[in-house]
N, C-alpha and C. Protein backbone atom coordinates (compact mmCIF):
# COMPACT_ATOMS: atom_id res chain seq x y z
N MET A 1 -2.87 -29.57 2.02
CA MET A 1 -1.86 -29.29 2.49
C MET A 1 -1.03 -28.69 1.00
N MET A 2 -1.68 -29.05 0.09
CA MET A 2 -1.29 -28.87 -1.62
C MET A 2 -1.80 -27.55 -1.53
N ARG A 3 -2.80 -27.24 -1.34
CA ARG A 3 -3.80 -25.65 -1.45
C ARG A 3 -2.73 -24.87 -0.96
N MET A 4 -2.38 -25.21 0.29
CA MET A 4 -1.54 -24.09 1.08
C MET A 4 -0.35 -23.89 0.34
N ALA A 5 0.57 -24.97 0.11
CA ALA A 5 1.59 -24.57 -0.71
C ALA A 5 1.57 -24.08 -1.82
N HIS A 6 0.05 -24.27 -2.71
CA HIS A 6 0.25 -23.36 -4.03
C HIS A 6 0.26 -22.17 -3.77
N ASP A 7 -0.90 -21.82 -2.77
CA ASP A 7 -1.15 -20.57 -2.37
C ASP A 7 0.60 -19.76 -2.00
N ILE A 8 1.30 -20.24 -1.01
CA ILE A 8 2.44 -20.09 -0.50
C ILE A 8 3.48 -19.59 -1.81
N LEU A 9 3.42 -20.55 -2.55
CA LEU A 9 4.17 -20.38 -3.83
C LEU A 9 3.88 -19.50 -5.03
N ARG A 10 2.29 -19.31 -5.18
CA ARG A 10 1.65 -18.28 -5.36
C ARG A 10 2.29 -17.11 -5.33
N ASP A 11 2.23 -16.87 -4.06
CA ASP A 11 2.26 -15.05 -3.66
C ASP A 11 3.60 -15.07 -3.23
N MET A 12 4.69 -15.84 -3.85
CA MET A 12 6.12 -15.79 -4.05
C MET A 12 6.47 -15.58 -4.91
N LYS A 13 5.73 -15.28 -6.18
CA LYS A 13 6.26 -15.21 -7.54
C LYS A 13 6.86 -13.78 -8.04
N THR A 14 6.62 -12.83 -7.43
CA THR A 14 7.33 -11.43 -7.34
C THR A 14 8.22 -11.37 -6.46
N ALA A 15 9.37 -10.60 -7.05
CA ALA A 15 10.63 -10.70 -6.31
C ALA A 15 10.43 -9.23 -5.33
N ALA A 16 11.08 -10.04 -3.99
CA ALA A 16 11.20 -8.80 -2.94
C ALA A 16 11.68 -7.36 -3.23
N PRO A 17 11.22 -6.51 -2.37
CA PRO A 17 11.98 -5.01 -2.96
C PRO A 17 13.31 -5.08 -1.95
N ALA A 18 14.23 -4.33 -3.32
CA ALA A 18 15.67 -4.70 -2.48
C ALA A 18 15.68 -3.77 -1.50
N LEU A 19 15.07 -2.75 -1.24
CA LEU A 19 15.33 -2.10 0.02
C LEU A 19 15.29 -2.55 1.28
N LEU A 20 13.83 -3.32 1.13
CA LEU A 20 13.67 -4.33 2.45
C LEU A 20 13.06 -5.75 2.07
N PRO A 21 14.05 -6.57 2.05
CA PRO A 21 13.10 -7.96 1.60
C PRO A 21 12.43 -8.52 2.36
N LEU A 22 11.75 -8.14 4.03
CA LEU A 22 10.83 -8.84 4.07
C LEU A 22 9.61 -8.32 3.60
N PHE A 23 9.20 -7.49 2.29
CA PHE A 23 8.36 -7.68 2.00
C PHE A 23 8.14 -8.46 0.80
N ARG A 24 7.14 -8.78 0.34
CA ARG A 24 7.16 -10.05 -0.75
C ARG A 24 7.28 -9.10 -2.14
N SER A 25 7.17 -8.01 -2.21
CA SER A 25 7.09 -6.81 -3.30
C SER A 25 7.60 -5.83 -3.06
N GLN A 26 7.42 -4.93 -3.86
CA GLN A 26 7.56 -3.43 -3.87
C GLN A 26 6.02 -2.48 -3.62
N ALA A 27 5.13 -3.43 -4.56
CA ALA A 27 3.97 -3.09 -4.27
C ALA A 27 3.36 -3.16 -3.49
N GLN A 28 3.76 -4.62 -2.26
CA GLN A 28 3.00 -4.67 -1.20
C GLN A 28 3.67 -3.69 -0.04
N ALA A 29 5.31 -3.55 0.19
CA ALA A 29 5.73 -2.60 0.83
C ALA A 29 5.15 -1.04 0.86
N GLU A 30 4.60 -0.38 -0.75
CA GLU A 30 3.89 0.88 -0.71
C GLU A 30 2.56 0.67 -0.35
N LEU A 31 1.91 -0.01 -0.68
CA LEU A 31 0.18 -0.84 -0.32
C LEU A 31 0.46 -0.30 1.72
N LEU A 32 1.74 -1.25 2.02
CA LEU A 32 1.32 -1.21 3.41
C LEU A 32 1.86 0.20 3.77
N GLY A 33 2.78 0.67 3.53
CA GLY A 33 2.88 2.16 3.94
C GLY A 33 2.14 3.17 4.10
N VAL A 34 0.80 2.90 2.38
CA VAL A 34 -0.38 3.65 2.74
C VAL A 34 -0.41 3.41 4.02
N LEU A 35 -1.31 2.07 3.96
CA LEU A 35 -2.12 1.88 5.06
C LEU A 35 -2.33 1.67 6.55
N PHE A 36 -0.86 1.62 6.74
CA PHE A 36 -0.12 1.47 8.07
C PHE A 36 0.14 2.89 8.53
N THR A 37 0.03 4.29 7.87
CA THR A 37 0.42 5.30 8.33
C THR A 37 -0.54 5.51 9.21
N PRO A 38 -0.05 5.77 10.60
CA PRO A 38 -1.10 6.22 11.62
C PRO A 38 -1.86 7.33 11.14
N GLY A 39 -3.51 7.39 11.25
CA GLY A 39 -4.34 8.22 11.01
C GLY A 39 -4.56 7.86 9.44
N ALA A 40 -4.44 6.84 8.92
CA ALA A 40 -4.57 6.73 7.58
C ALA A 40 -6.43 6.20 7.65
N ARG A 41 -7.03 6.32 6.17
CA ARG A 41 -8.78 6.32 6.12
C ARG A 41 -8.97 4.97 5.89
N GLU A 42 -9.74 4.48 5.89
CA GLU A 42 -10.10 3.05 5.08
C GLU A 42 -10.11 4.04 3.15
N LEU A 43 -9.27 3.15 2.53
CA LEU A 43 -9.42 3.89 1.23
C LEU A 43 -10.05 2.54 -0.35
N SER A 44 -10.65 3.17 -1.02
CA SER A 44 -10.86 2.19 -2.18
C SER A 44 -8.99 1.76 -2.86
N ILE A 45 -9.89 0.14 -3.13
CA ILE A 45 -8.62 0.13 -4.56
C ILE A 45 -8.38 1.31 -5.58
N ARG A 46 -9.05 2.44 -6.19
CA ARG A 46 -8.93 2.87 -7.16
C ARG A 46 -8.56 3.90 -6.44
N GLU A 47 -8.19 4.38 -5.22
CA GLU A 47 -7.51 5.41 -4.15
C GLU A 47 -6.21 4.99 -4.26
N LEU A 48 -6.15 3.37 -3.98
CA LEU A 48 -4.71 2.94 -3.36
C LEU A 48 -3.96 3.28 -4.70
N ALA A 49 -4.98 3.40 -5.84
CA ALA A 49 -3.96 2.38 -7.15
C ALA A 49 -3.42 4.24 -7.61
N GLY A 50 -4.25 5.25 -7.44
CA GLY A 50 -4.16 6.76 -7.73
C GLY A 50 -2.87 7.13 -6.57
N MET A 51 -3.01 6.90 -5.48
CA MET A 51 -1.77 7.52 -4.67
C MET A 51 -0.52 6.41 -5.02
N THR A 52 -0.66 5.07 -5.57
CA THR A 52 1.00 4.60 -5.42
C THR A 52 1.03 4.78 -6.81
N GLY A 53 0.52 4.64 -7.68
CA GLY A 53 0.60 4.29 -9.05
C GLY A 53 0.81 2.94 -9.67
N ILE A 54 0.37 2.32 -9.09
CA ILE A 54 0.14 0.76 -9.04
C ILE A 54 -0.71 0.22 -9.77
N PRO A 55 -0.86 -0.22 -10.49
CA PRO A 55 -2.32 -0.88 -11.62
C PRO A 55 -3.45 -1.44 -10.22
N GLU A 56 -4.54 -0.72 -10.40
CA GLU A 56 -5.88 -1.87 -9.90
C GLU A 56 -6.03 -3.19 -9.47
N PRO A 57 -5.53 -3.64 -10.82
CA PRO A 57 -5.17 -5.14 -10.55
C PRO A 57 -4.41 -5.92 -9.52
N THR A 58 -3.13 -5.26 -9.58
CA THR A 58 -2.12 -5.55 -8.79
C THR A 58 -2.54 -5.21 -7.62
N ILE A 59 -3.18 -3.87 -7.22
CA ILE A 59 -3.64 -3.63 -5.71
C ILE A 59 -4.93 -4.61 -5.27
N SER A 60 -5.52 -5.03 -6.23
CA SER A 60 -6.65 -5.82 -5.83
C SER A 60 -6.07 -7.13 -5.25
N ARG A 61 -5.12 -7.98 -6.32
CA ARG A 61 -4.48 -9.00 -5.65
C ARG A 61 -3.53 -9.13 -4.59
N GLU A 62 -2.85 -7.90 -4.11
CA GLU A 62 -2.18 -7.69 -3.09
C GLU A 62 -3.48 -7.89 -1.90
N VAL A 63 -3.85 -6.76 -1.67
CA VAL A 63 -5.04 -6.62 -1.02
C VAL A 63 -5.81 -8.01 -0.25
N ALA A 64 -6.10 -8.39 -1.50
CA ALA A 64 -6.48 -10.17 -1.11
C ALA A 64 -5.62 -10.99 -0.68
N ARG A 65 -3.94 -11.29 -0.96
CA ARG A 65 -3.21 -11.69 -0.34
C ARG A 65 -3.40 -11.48 1.34
N LEU A 66 -3.48 -10.10 1.20
CA LEU A 66 -2.92 -9.20 2.73
C LEU A 66 -3.94 -9.36 3.83
N GLU A 67 -5.65 -9.94 3.43
CA GLU A 67 -6.50 -9.95 3.66
C GLU A 67 -6.56 -11.52 4.18
N ARG A 68 -6.15 -12.36 3.45
CA ARG A 68 -6.24 -13.61 4.06
C ARG A 68 -5.38 -14.04 5.04
N HIS A 69 -4.43 -13.30 5.15
CA HIS A 69 -3.40 -13.26 6.33
C HIS A 69 -3.78 -12.37 7.65
N GLU A 70 -4.80 -11.44 7.40
CA GLU A 70 -5.34 -10.77 8.27
C GLU A 70 -4.28 -9.59 8.77
N VAL A 71 -3.49 -9.03 7.67
CA VAL A 71 -2.67 -8.25 7.94
C VAL A 71 -3.76 -6.51 7.40
N LEU A 72 -5.12 -7.13 6.27
CA LEU A 72 -5.73 -5.92 6.42
C LEU A 72 -6.88 -6.41 6.53
N VAL A 73 -8.02 -5.58 6.58
CA VAL A 73 -9.50 -5.13 6.36
C VAL A 73 -10.35 -4.94 5.71
N SER A 74 -11.08 -5.34 5.17
CA SER A 74 -12.13 -4.53 4.30
C SER A 74 -13.84 -4.54 4.10
N HIS A 75 -14.24 -4.04 3.61
CA HIS A 75 -15.78 -4.02 3.46
C HIS A 75 -16.46 -3.07 2.46
N ASN A 76 -17.50 -3.27 1.94
CA ASN A 76 -17.70 -2.68 0.69
C ASN A 76 -18.87 -1.85 1.02
N VAL A 77 -19.27 -1.10 0.07
CA VAL A 77 -19.75 -0.39 0.66
C VAL A 77 -20.55 0.44 -0.82
N GLY A 78 -21.61 -0.37 -1.38
CA GLY A 78 -22.13 -0.37 -2.45
C GLY A 78 -20.93 -1.50 -3.46
N ARG A 79 -20.72 -0.97 -4.17
CA ARG A 79 -19.80 -1.52 -5.20
C ARG A 79 -18.10 -1.27 -4.64
N THR A 80 -18.22 -0.67 -4.21
CA THR A 80 -17.00 -0.18 -3.78
C THR A 80 -16.46 -0.72 -3.00
N LYS A 81 -15.40 -1.17 -2.74
CA LYS A 81 -14.52 -2.15 -1.27
C LYS A 81 -13.65 -0.93 -0.88
N LEU A 82 -13.53 -1.27 0.49
CA LEU A 82 -12.94 -0.05 0.92
C LEU A 82 -12.05 -0.78 2.02
N VAL A 83 -10.55 -0.34 1.56
CA VAL A 83 -9.57 -1.11 2.69
C VAL A 83 -8.89 -0.55 3.79
N ALA A 84 -8.78 -0.83 4.76
CA ALA A 84 -8.02 -0.49 6.07
C ALA A 84 -6.80 -1.55 6.50
N ALA A 85 -6.00 -0.78 7.01
CA ALA A 85 -5.04 -1.37 7.93
C ALA A 85 -5.57 -2.15 9.01
N ASN A 86 -5.31 -3.58 9.33
CA ASN A 86 -6.13 -3.80 11.09
C ASN A 86 -5.21 -3.89 12.21
N TRP A 87 -5.78 -2.77 12.53
CA TRP A 87 -5.09 -2.18 13.80
C TRP A 87 -5.32 -2.99 14.84
N ARG A 88 -6.14 -4.16 14.73
CA ARG A 88 -6.30 -4.84 15.96
C ARG A 88 -5.62 -6.08 15.78
N ALA A 89 -4.75 -6.22 15.31
CA ALA A 89 -3.57 -7.24 14.74
C ALA A 89 -2.73 -6.81 16.27
N PRO A 90 -2.10 -8.16 17.01
CA PRO A 90 -1.03 -7.25 17.71
C PRO A 90 0.35 -6.67 17.70
N TRP A 91 0.85 -7.06 16.13
CA TRP A 91 1.65 -6.57 15.77
C TRP A 91 1.79 -5.27 14.68
N ALA A 92 0.50 -4.47 14.95
CA ALA A 92 0.19 -3.82 13.77
C ALA A 92 0.89 -2.50 13.91
N ASP A 93 1.29 -2.07 15.27
CA ASP A 93 2.02 -0.92 15.91
C ASP A 93 3.49 -1.20 15.01
N ALA A 94 3.97 -2.45 15.59
CA ALA A 94 5.30 -2.99 14.69
C ALA A 94 5.37 -2.74 13.36
N LEU A 95 4.61 -3.09 12.79
CA LEU A 95 4.31 -3.07 11.33
C LEU A 95 4.42 -1.82 10.87
N SER A 96 3.69 -0.84 11.49
CA SER A 96 3.94 0.79 10.71
C SER A 96 4.88 1.12 11.10
N ARG A 97 5.65 0.80 12.13
CA ARG A 97 6.89 1.69 12.02
C ARG A 97 8.19 1.23 11.25
N LEU A 98 7.75 -0.27 10.92
CA LEU A 98 8.70 -0.79 9.92
C LEU A 98 8.04 0.01 8.55
N VAL A 99 7.07 -0.41 7.92
CA VAL A 99 6.83 0.18 6.82
C VAL A 99 7.06 1.73 6.91
N ALA A 100 7.29 2.31 7.80
CA ALA A 100 7.43 3.98 7.92
C ALA A 100 8.81 4.23 7.38
N TYR A 101 9.33 3.11 7.42
CA TYR A 101 11.01 3.07 7.16
C TYR A 101 10.93 2.63 5.67
N VAL A 102 10.14 2.08 5.00
CA VAL A 102 10.63 1.76 3.78
C VAL A 102 9.39 2.39 2.56
N ALA A 103 8.55 2.67 2.80
CA ALA A 103 7.62 3.04 1.94
C ALA A 103 6.42 4.32 2.60
N GLY A 104 6.35 4.58 3.76
CA GLY A 104 5.62 5.17 4.71
C GLY A 104 6.23 7.02 4.93
N VAL A 105 7.60 6.93 4.70
CA VAL A 105 8.19 8.51 4.50
C VAL A 105 6.91 9.46 2.83
N ARG A 106 7.73 8.42 1.58
CA ARG A 106 6.75 8.59 0.66
C ARG A 106 5.73 9.27 0.76
N VAL A 107 4.97 8.65 1.40
CA VAL A 107 3.46 8.98 2.00
C VAL A 107 3.30 10.05 2.50
N ALA A 108 3.75 9.99 3.40
CA ALA A 108 3.85 11.70 4.14
C ALA A 108 4.67 12.99 3.43
N ILE A 109 5.51 12.58 2.50
CA ILE A 109 6.25 13.73 1.66
C ILE A 109 4.70 13.93 0.98
N GLY A 110 3.95 13.11 0.23
CA GLY A 110 3.11 13.64 -0.82
C GLY A 110 1.79 14.02 0.08
N ARG A 111 1.27 13.74 1.31
CA ARG A 111 0.28 14.39 2.17
C ARG A 111 1.25 15.68 2.32
N ALA A 112 2.05 15.57 2.42
CA ALA A 112 2.51 17.31 2.88
C ALA A 112 3.06 18.21 1.65
N LEU A 113 2.68 17.93 0.56
CA LEU A 113 3.11 18.64 -0.51
C LEU A 113 1.57 18.92 -1.05
N GLN A 114 0.57 18.18 -0.60
CA GLN A 114 -0.74 18.73 -0.87
C GLN A 114 -0.91 19.89 -0.20
N GLU A 115 -0.56 20.23 1.00
CA GLU A 115 -0.77 20.67 1.82
C GLU A 115 -0.18 22.64 1.51
N VAL A 116 0.81 22.19 0.81
CA VAL A 116 1.70 23.55 0.23
C VAL A 116 0.98 24.54 -0.54
N ASP A 117 1.08 25.41 -0.20
CA ASP A 117 -0.04 26.51 -1.59
C ASP A 117 0.78 26.52 -2.75
N GLY A 118 -0.18 26.63 -3.79
CA GLY A 118 0.23 26.44 -5.10
C GLY A 118 0.04 24.91 -5.57
N VAL A 119 0.25 23.99 -4.65
CA VAL A 119 -0.11 22.62 -5.27
C VAL A 119 -0.86 21.74 -4.99
N ALA A 120 -1.84 21.75 -6.49
CA ALA A 120 -3.23 21.29 -6.07
C ALA A 120 -3.41 19.94 -5.87
N ASN A 121 -2.26 19.27 -6.26
CA ASN A 121 -2.66 17.70 -5.96
C ASN A 121 -1.16 17.02 -6.08
N CYS A 122 -0.59 15.92 -5.58
CA CYS A 122 0.51 15.01 -6.10
C CYS A 122 -0.11 14.10 -5.29
N SER A 123 -0.42 13.40 -6.14
CA SER A 123 -1.30 12.00 -5.82
C SER A 123 -0.59 10.88 -5.56
N HIS A 124 0.62 11.09 -5.50
CA HIS A 124 1.53 9.55 -5.37
C HIS A 124 3.19 10.25 -5.49
N ILE A 125 3.84 9.41 -4.98
CA ILE A 125 5.52 10.31 -4.82
C ILE A 125 6.48 8.88 -6.01
N THR A 126 5.58 8.14 -5.58
CA THR A 126 6.67 7.13 -6.47
C THR A 126 5.72 6.13 -7.43
N SER A 127 5.97 5.64 -8.10
CA SER A 127 5.23 4.72 -9.40
C SER A 127 5.86 3.37 -9.11
N HIS A 128 4.96 2.17 -9.47
CA HIS A 128 5.56 0.81 -9.11
C HIS A 128 6.72 0.83 -10.27
N ASN A 129 6.81 1.83 -11.45
CA ASN A 129 7.68 1.26 -12.49
C ASN A 129 8.67 2.34 -12.88
N THR A 130 8.76 3.95 -11.86
CA THR A 130 9.36 4.78 -11.65
C THR A 130 10.14 4.95 -10.85
N PRO A 131 11.33 6.13 -10.86
CA PRO A 131 11.76 6.41 -9.55
C PRO A 131 11.12 7.37 -8.55
N ASN A 132 11.67 7.13 -7.47
CA ASN A 132 10.77 8.10 -6.14
C ASN A 132 10.78 9.78 -6.58
N VAL A 133 9.48 9.77 -7.09
CA VAL A 133 9.09 11.16 -7.67
C VAL A 133 8.07 11.43 -7.44
N CYS A 134 7.52 12.77 -7.41
CA CYS A 134 6.13 12.73 -7.50
C CYS A 134 5.48 13.24 -8.79
N THR A 135 4.60 12.20 -9.18
CA THR A 135 4.64 11.90 -10.55
C THR A 135 3.19 12.43 -11.07
N SER A 136 2.66 13.28 -10.44
CA SER A 136 1.42 13.62 -10.59
C SER A 136 1.23 14.75 -9.99
N LEU A 137 1.66 15.37 -9.76
CA LEU A 137 1.44 16.91 -9.42
C LEU A 137 1.10 17.90 -10.25
N SER A 138 -0.16 18.74 -9.60
CA SER A 138 -0.50 19.72 -10.34
C SER A 138 -0.30 21.33 -9.31
N VAL A 139 -0.32 22.32 -10.12
CA VAL A 139 -0.29 23.50 -9.47
C VAL A 139 -1.51 24.39 -10.01
């Protein structure tokens, strides 16, 4: 019982995002926005950090929390951990729609920009500590 209370308190240290306080943190909302986008593929911790601008250690902690609650699934390929949405969960489609309102739009814009002629890379639209802008655009 004490361990469970400790885990809950540890997971609640970060303030919830102002846009939708259902999520534990802005980082969690952005991570779910990337992974619960329909058609999203498995991504490594490094890829997730690159797409969101969130530091790798923060991504690793969020992934571990979400795996404990069966929101995400992962497996290792060599030394690389690949992470994906748990689409087998009965609430996965509903969560996908919910995070689309919060963070999924940024992901969709980033992917769309990558397909624009002359744009070589837009790795993420927002960053953990910056406004909602494409912070990694190259042409």
